[in-house]
N, C-alpha and C. Protein backbone atom coordinates (compact mmCIF):
# COMPACT_ATOMS: atom_id res chain seq x y z
N MET A 1 136.73 155.40 46.52
CA MET A 1 135.90 154.68 47.46
C MET A 1 134.53 154.42 46.78
N ASN A 2 134.07 153.20 46.86
CA ASN A 2 132.82 152.83 46.25
C ASN A 2 131.66 153.22 47.18
N LYS A 3 130.52 153.49 46.53
CA LYS A 3 129.27 153.84 47.24
C LYS A 3 128.42 152.57 47.22
N ARG A 4 127.70 152.37 48.25
CA ARG A 4 126.77 151.22 48.35
C ARG A 4 125.35 151.76 48.07
N THR A 5 124.59 150.95 47.31
CA THR A 5 123.21 151.32 47.00
C THR A 5 122.37 150.05 46.87
N THR A 6 121.12 150.19 46.95
CA THR A 6 120.18 149.07 46.76
C THR A 6 119.51 149.25 45.44
N ILE A 7 119.50 148.22 44.65
CA ILE A 7 118.77 148.26 43.37
C ILE A 7 117.85 147.05 43.35
N TYR A 8 116.79 147.15 42.62
CA TYR A 8 115.82 146.04 42.50
C TYR A 8 115.83 145.61 41.04
N LEU A 9 116.12 144.33 40.83
CA LEU A 9 116.24 143.75 39.51
C LEU A 9 115.13 142.74 39.26
N ASP A 10 114.73 142.66 38.03
CA ASP A 10 113.86 141.61 37.63
C ASP A 10 114.56 140.29 37.97
N PRO A 11 113.82 139.32 38.53
CA PRO A 11 114.46 138.06 38.92
C PRO A 11 115.24 137.38 37.81
N ALA A 12 114.74 137.41 36.59
CA ALA A 12 115.43 136.77 35.48
C ALA A 12 116.76 137.51 35.19
N LEU A 13 116.74 138.82 35.26
CA LEU A 13 117.98 139.61 35.06
C LEU A 13 119.00 139.32 36.15
N HIS A 14 118.50 139.22 37.37
CA HIS A 14 119.40 138.90 38.51
C HIS A 14 120.04 137.55 38.33
N ARG A 15 119.23 136.55 37.89
CA ARG A 15 119.75 135.20 37.66
C ARG A 15 120.82 135.25 36.56
N ALA A 16 120.54 135.95 35.49
CA ALA A 16 121.48 136.06 34.36
C ALA A 16 122.77 136.76 34.79
N LEU A 17 122.65 137.76 35.64
CA LEU A 17 123.85 138.44 36.12
C LEU A 17 124.68 137.52 37.01
N ARG A 18 124.02 136.76 37.84
CA ARG A 18 124.75 135.84 38.70
C ARG A 18 125.49 134.78 37.90
N VAL A 19 124.83 134.25 36.86
CA VAL A 19 125.48 133.24 36.01
C VAL A 19 126.64 133.85 35.28
N LYS A 20 126.43 135.08 34.71
CA LYS A 20 127.53 135.70 33.97
C LYS A 20 128.69 136.04 34.92
N SER A 21 128.36 136.43 36.15
CA SER A 21 129.37 136.72 37.15
C SER A 21 130.22 135.48 37.41
N MET A 22 129.58 134.36 37.54
CA MET A 22 130.35 133.11 37.79
C MET A 22 131.19 132.73 36.57
N GLU A 23 130.59 132.83 35.39
CA GLU A 23 131.26 132.45 34.16
C GLU A 23 132.49 133.33 33.87
N THR A 24 132.35 134.60 34.18
CA THR A 24 133.41 135.58 33.82
C THR A 24 134.33 135.88 34.99
N GLU A 25 133.98 135.27 36.16
CA GLU A 25 134.75 135.57 37.40
C GLU A 25 134.86 137.08 37.62
N THR A 26 133.68 137.74 37.44
CA THR A 26 133.52 139.16 37.67
C THR A 26 132.36 139.35 38.60
N SER A 27 132.49 140.26 39.57
CA SER A 27 131.41 140.45 40.51
C SER A 27 130.16 141.03 39.83
N VAL A 28 129.04 140.79 40.43
CA VAL A 28 127.78 141.40 39.93
C VAL A 28 127.91 142.91 39.96
N SER A 29 128.51 143.47 40.99
CA SER A 29 128.71 144.88 41.11
C SER A 29 129.51 145.42 39.92
N GLU A 30 130.59 144.73 39.55
CA GLU A 30 131.42 145.18 38.44
C GLU A 30 130.66 145.07 37.15
N LEU A 31 129.87 144.02 36.96
CA LEU A 31 129.08 143.90 35.76
C LEU A 31 128.11 145.05 35.62
N ILE A 32 127.45 145.42 36.73
CA ILE A 32 126.51 146.53 36.73
C ILE A 32 127.25 147.87 36.43
N ASN A 33 128.43 148.04 37.07
CA ASN A 33 129.23 149.22 36.82
C ASN A 33 129.61 149.32 35.35
N GLN A 34 130.02 148.18 34.75
CA GLN A 34 130.37 148.20 33.32
C GLN A 34 129.16 148.58 32.47
N ALA A 35 128.01 148.04 32.78
CA ALA A 35 126.79 148.33 32.04
C ALA A 35 126.39 149.82 32.12
N VAL A 36 126.49 150.38 33.33
CA VAL A 36 126.19 151.80 33.51
C VAL A 36 127.16 152.71 32.78
N ARG A 37 128.45 152.33 32.85
CA ARG A 37 129.46 153.13 32.10
C ARG A 37 129.16 153.10 30.61
N GLN A 38 128.80 151.94 30.10
CA GLN A 38 128.51 151.80 28.64
C GLN A 38 127.29 152.68 28.29
N LEU A 39 126.27 152.64 29.13
CA LEU A 39 125.09 153.44 28.89
C LEU A 39 125.38 154.91 28.89
N LEU A 40 126.21 155.37 29.84
CA LEU A 40 126.60 156.76 29.89
C LEU A 40 127.43 157.17 28.69
N ARG A 41 128.31 156.29 28.22
CA ARG A 41 129.09 156.59 27.02
C ARG A 41 128.19 156.73 25.81
N GLU A 42 127.21 155.87 25.72
CA GLU A 42 126.25 155.95 24.59
C GLU A 42 125.49 157.26 24.66
N ASP A 43 125.10 157.69 25.84
CA ASP A 43 124.39 158.96 26.00
C ASP A 43 125.30 160.12 25.58
N GLU A 44 126.58 160.05 25.96
CA GLU A 44 127.52 161.08 25.56
C GLU A 44 127.66 161.13 24.02
N GLU A 45 127.74 159.97 23.41
CA GLU A 45 127.81 159.97 21.94
C GLU A 45 126.56 160.57 21.29
N ASP A 46 125.41 160.24 21.86
CA ASP A 46 124.16 160.79 21.32
C ASP A 46 124.13 162.30 21.47
N ILE A 47 124.49 162.83 22.62
CA ILE A 47 124.54 164.25 22.83
C ILE A 47 125.49 164.92 21.83
N ARG A 48 126.65 164.31 21.66
CA ARG A 48 127.66 164.87 20.69
C ARG A 48 127.04 164.89 19.28
N ALA A 49 126.35 163.81 18.89
CA ALA A 49 125.78 163.77 17.57
C ALA A 49 124.71 164.84 17.39
N PHE A 50 123.88 165.08 18.42
CA PHE A 50 122.86 166.10 18.34
C PHE A 50 123.53 167.49 18.19
N GLU A 51 124.61 167.69 18.97
CA GLU A 51 125.27 168.98 18.93
C GLU A 51 125.90 169.23 17.52
N GLU A 52 126.46 168.15 16.94
CA GLU A 52 127.08 168.28 15.61
C GLU A 52 126.02 168.59 14.55
N ARG A 53 124.82 168.12 14.72
CA ARG A 53 123.75 168.29 13.72
C ARG A 53 122.88 169.47 14.03
N ALA A 54 123.11 170.21 15.11
CA ALA A 54 122.24 171.35 15.50
C ALA A 54 122.09 172.38 14.42
N ALA A 55 123.15 172.60 13.60
CA ALA A 55 123.08 173.65 12.63
C ALA A 55 122.42 173.18 11.31
N GLU A 56 122.12 171.89 11.18
CA GLU A 56 121.49 171.40 9.98
C GLU A 56 120.09 171.97 9.83
N PRO A 57 119.66 172.22 8.62
CA PRO A 57 118.32 172.71 8.44
C PRO A 57 117.27 171.67 8.84
N ARG A 58 116.20 172.13 9.38
CA ARG A 58 115.14 171.19 9.78
C ARG A 58 114.18 170.97 8.65
N LEU A 59 113.66 169.77 8.56
CA LEU A 59 112.72 169.40 7.52
C LEU A 59 111.40 169.00 8.16
N SER A 60 110.32 169.67 7.77
CA SER A 60 109.03 169.33 8.38
C SER A 60 108.59 167.94 7.81
N TYR A 61 107.69 167.35 8.51
CA TYR A 61 107.13 166.07 8.10
C TYR A 61 106.46 166.24 6.70
N GLU A 62 105.71 167.29 6.56
CA GLU A 62 105.06 167.56 5.23
C GLU A 62 106.08 167.68 4.10
N ALA A 63 107.14 168.42 4.37
CA ALA A 63 108.18 168.55 3.36
C ALA A 63 108.86 167.24 3.07
N LEU A 64 109.06 166.45 4.06
CA LEU A 64 109.66 165.10 3.92
C LEU A 64 108.81 164.27 3.00
N LEU A 65 107.50 164.24 3.26
CA LEU A 65 106.56 163.44 2.43
C LEU A 65 106.60 163.93 0.98
N LYS A 66 106.61 165.23 0.79
CA LYS A 66 106.66 165.77 -0.59
C LYS A 66 107.95 165.35 -1.29
N ASP A 67 109.07 165.39 -0.54
CA ASP A 67 110.34 164.99 -1.11
C ASP A 67 110.36 163.50 -1.50
N LEU A 68 109.82 162.66 -0.63
CA LEU A 68 109.73 161.24 -0.92
C LEU A 68 108.87 160.97 -2.15
N LYS A 69 107.73 161.69 -2.23
CA LYS A 69 106.89 161.54 -3.40
C LYS A 69 107.57 162.00 -4.67
N LYS A 70 108.29 163.13 -4.60
CA LYS A 70 109.04 163.70 -5.70
C LYS A 70 110.05 162.69 -6.25
N HIS A 71 110.67 161.95 -5.35
CA HIS A 71 111.73 161.02 -5.74
C HIS A 71 111.22 159.59 -5.92
N GLY A 72 109.91 159.40 -5.99
CA GLY A 72 109.31 158.14 -6.24
C GLY A 72 109.35 157.14 -5.13
N ALA A 73 109.61 157.55 -3.93
CA ALA A 73 109.69 156.64 -2.82
C ALA A 73 108.26 156.36 -2.21
N LEU A 74 107.30 157.18 -2.61
CA LEU A 74 105.92 156.96 -2.12
C LEU A 74 105.02 156.71 -3.29
């Protein structure tokens, strides 16, 4: 069962959504649902990437600059 909510969109975004809705024969609600799902998938991927890299050694900004200088990048 779907939940109903009120959202406030920038007028230009709303217009673009309406046009895309007509062009793709997809409701504005479904377009918003698709966008939110994509955003949540991206967040999940980011969290997974952070977890995978959690054990990597941390490099301070100072150490990074020294390394760049050592390798001729600065």
